[in-house]
Every structure is written in C-alpha cells, then in structure tokens.
Amino acid sequence: MGLFSRRRRPAATDAPTDKAAREATLAHLRDFVDTRVGVEAYVEPRTNVTATTVMLVATDGEWTRRRVPDEKAAHEIARGMGIPVYDVQRTGYPPRVRAWNSRQRRGAEPDVV
C-alpha cells in the first residue's frame, strides 16, 4: 500500500452483503410487520446517493426503511411477508407518512381513528 493510498471503505450506498446483515434486515422488517397494522411496502430505486431501499409504512403512517440488494429482492421480501408492495416512483408516498412525520416533530399524540 502506497503512502498516499487509501483503503476502500464501504460506501453508504453499498447494500448489505454478508449473511448477518441480511438476517438483521429481515428480522427488523418482520418485526415491524408483526407489530404494526396494515403495513405496506414501497420500493425506492437506487440513486447516485443511496442504494435500493424498501420502506414499510403502517396504517398510522409510522415507517421504517432498510437497504436491499435490488428491486427484485424488495418485492420478494414484501411478498414473502404477505404485504402489498408498490413502486414509489409510480404511486408516490402515502399522505399518512407526512402526517406521521409532522406529529413526531411536534411531539403530538397520534390521531384517534
């Protein structure tokens, strides 16, 4: 290794590749689906800045996002969990996500439905 060379560090856009990371991601997503009502998956495409991600959204707008290897993997994960899956470029984000984010910023309790 040269004096001014650098070791390659994993980029923020690298999808998890080792078995432990994949299992941790799947466990987190499964837990979210098992502990929330009406969860739907939204596949977010890879960009210059981020890897492909899957965003799970519950009925109340609460959400979680995790990197996945590609769009096909995101669809397989959602189908395997028995939840609907959408392409966010076609459907956009549901309005309840924005409402949930606003409530979290204000520190307000969720609306009673």
Protein backbone atom coordinates (compact mmCIF):
# COMPACT_ATOMS: atom_id res chain seq x y z
CA MET A 1 0.00 0.00 0.00
CA GLY A 2 1.42 3.37 -1.00
CA LEU A 3 1.98 6.27 1.33
CA PHE A 4 -0.93 8.30 -0.03
CA SER A 5 -3.28 5.49 -0.98
CA ARG A 6 -6.43 4.85 0.94
CA ARG A 7 -8.20 1.68 1.83
CA ARG A 8 -11.59 1.41 0.27
CA ARG A 9 -14.29 1.89 2.84
CA PRO A 10 -17.78 0.61 2.16
CA ALA A 11 -19.85 3.35 0.58
CA ALA A 12 -23.10 4.39 2.20
CA THR A 13 -24.83 3.07 -0.91
CA ASP A 14 -23.48 -0.49 -0.57
CA ALA A 15 -26.30 -2.91 0.15
CA PRO A 16 -25.75 -5.35 2.99
CA THR A 17 -23.99 -8.37 1.55
CA ASP A 18 -23.00 -10.59 4.43
CA LYS A 19 -25.37 -13.11 5.92
CA ALA A 20 -25.61 -11.43 9.33
CA ALA A 21 -26.58 -8.08 7.81
CA ARG A 22 -29.25 -9.71 5.63
CA GLU A 23 -30.67 -11.60 8.59
CA ALA A 24 -30.71 -8.46 10.74
CA THR A 25 -32.51 -6.54 8.00
CA LEU A 26 -35.11 -9.28 7.53
CA ALA A 27 -35.62 -9.59 11.30
CA HIS A 28 -36.20 -5.85 11.61
CA LEU A 29 -38.69 -5.79 8.73
CA ARG A 30 -40.52 -8.88 10.04
CA ASP A 31 -40.76 -7.34 13.50
CA PHE A 32 -42.20 -4.15 12.01
CA VAL A 33 -44.82 -6.11 10.06
CA ASP A 34 -45.69 -8.29 13.06
CA THR A 35 -46.12 -5.37 15.46
CA ARG A 36 -47.97 -2.87 13.24
CA VAL A 37 -51.35 -2.89 11.48
CA GLY A 38 -51.88 -2.56 7.73
CA VAL A 39 -48.23 -2.47 6.67
CA GLU A 40 -47.42 -1.82 3.01
CA ALA A 41 -44.04 -1.87 1.27
CA TYR A 42 -42.75 0.89 -1.01
CA VAL A 43 -39.70 0.13 -3.16
CA GLU A 44 -37.35 3.09 -3.58
CA PRO A 45 -34.97 2.84 -6.55
CA ARG A 46 -31.20 3.16 -6.36
CA THR A 47 -29.90 6.69 -6.89
CA ASN A 48 -26.43 8.19 -7.13
CA VAL A 49 -26.53 8.73 -3.38
CA THR A 50 -28.47 5.77 -1.96
CA ALA A 51 -28.89 2.06 -2.57
CA THR A 52 -32.23 0.48 -3.41
CA THR A 53 -34.39 0.55 -0.29
CA VAL A 54 -37.69 -0.81 0.88
CA MET A 55 -39.85 1.43 3.07
CA LEU A 56 -42.53 -0.21 5.19
CA VAL A 57 -45.47 2.01 6.14
CA ALA A 58 -48.10 1.16 8.76
CA THR A 59 -51.71 2.36 8.78
CA ASP A 60 -50.89 5.20 11.20
CA GLY A 61 -48.04 6.40 8.94
CA GLU A 62 -45.18 5.06 11.05
CA TRP A 63 -42.43 3.85 8.76
CA THR A 64 -39.06 2.15 8.59
CA ARG A 65 -36.57 1.93 5.74
CA ARG A 66 -33.82 -0.58 5.02
CA ARG A 67 -31.36 -1.10 2.16
CA VAL A 68 -31.88 -4.13 -0.03
CA PRO A 69 -29.72 -5.59 -2.83
CA ASP A 70 -32.14 -4.62 -5.62
CA GLU A 71 -35.79 -4.02 -6.52
CA LYS A 72 -36.43 -7.71 -7.15
CA ALA A 73 -35.25 -8.54 -3.62
CA ALA A 74 -37.54 -5.84 -2.18
CA HIS A 75 -40.53 -7.34 -3.99
CA GLU A 76 -39.62 -10.84 -2.81
CA ILE A 77 -39.29 -9.69 0.80
CA ALA A 78 -42.69 -7.99 0.75
CA ARG A 79 -44.43 -10.89 -0.95
CA GLY A 80 -42.78 -13.31 1.48
CA MET A 81 -44.28 -11.33 4.36
CA GLY A 82 -47.68 -11.24 2.70
CA ILE A 83 -47.89 -7.46 2.42
CA PRO A 84 -48.74 -5.29 -0.60
CA VAL A 85 -45.75 -3.85 -2.44
CA TYR A 86 -45.68 -0.67 -4.55
CA ASP A 87 -43.13 1.13 -6.68
CA VAL A 88 -42.79 4.56 -5.07
CA GLN A 89 -41.99 6.13 -8.46
CA ARG A 90 -45.42 5.11 -9.70
CA THR A 91 -47.55 5.59 -6.59
CA GLY A 92 -45.69 8.18 -4.54
CA TYR A 93 -45.65 8.04 -0.75
CA PRO A 94 -48.96 7.77 1.10
CA PRO A 95 -50.04 11.05 2.78
CA ARG A 96 -50.12 9.32 6.16
CA VAL A 97 -46.29 9.24 6.14
CA ARG A 98 -46.12 13.04 6.03
CA ALA A 99 -48.80 13.30 8.73
CA TRP A 100 -46.90 10.88 10.99
CA ASN A 101 -43.64 12.78 10.46
CA SER A 102 -45.39 16.06 11.35
CA ARG A 103 -46.82 14.56 14.53
CA GLN A 104 -43.39 13.27 15.52
CA ARG A 105 -41.79 16.68 15.01
CA ARG A 106 -44.49 18.35 17.12
CA GLY A 107 -44.36 15.60 19.74
CA ALA A 108 -48.13 15.21 19.45
CA GLU A 109 -50.06 12.04 20.11
CA PRO A 110 -51.38 10.20 17.02
CA ASP A 111 -54.90 10.97 15.87
CA VAL A 112 -57.53 8.64 17.28
CA VAL A 113 -59.32 6.86 14.46
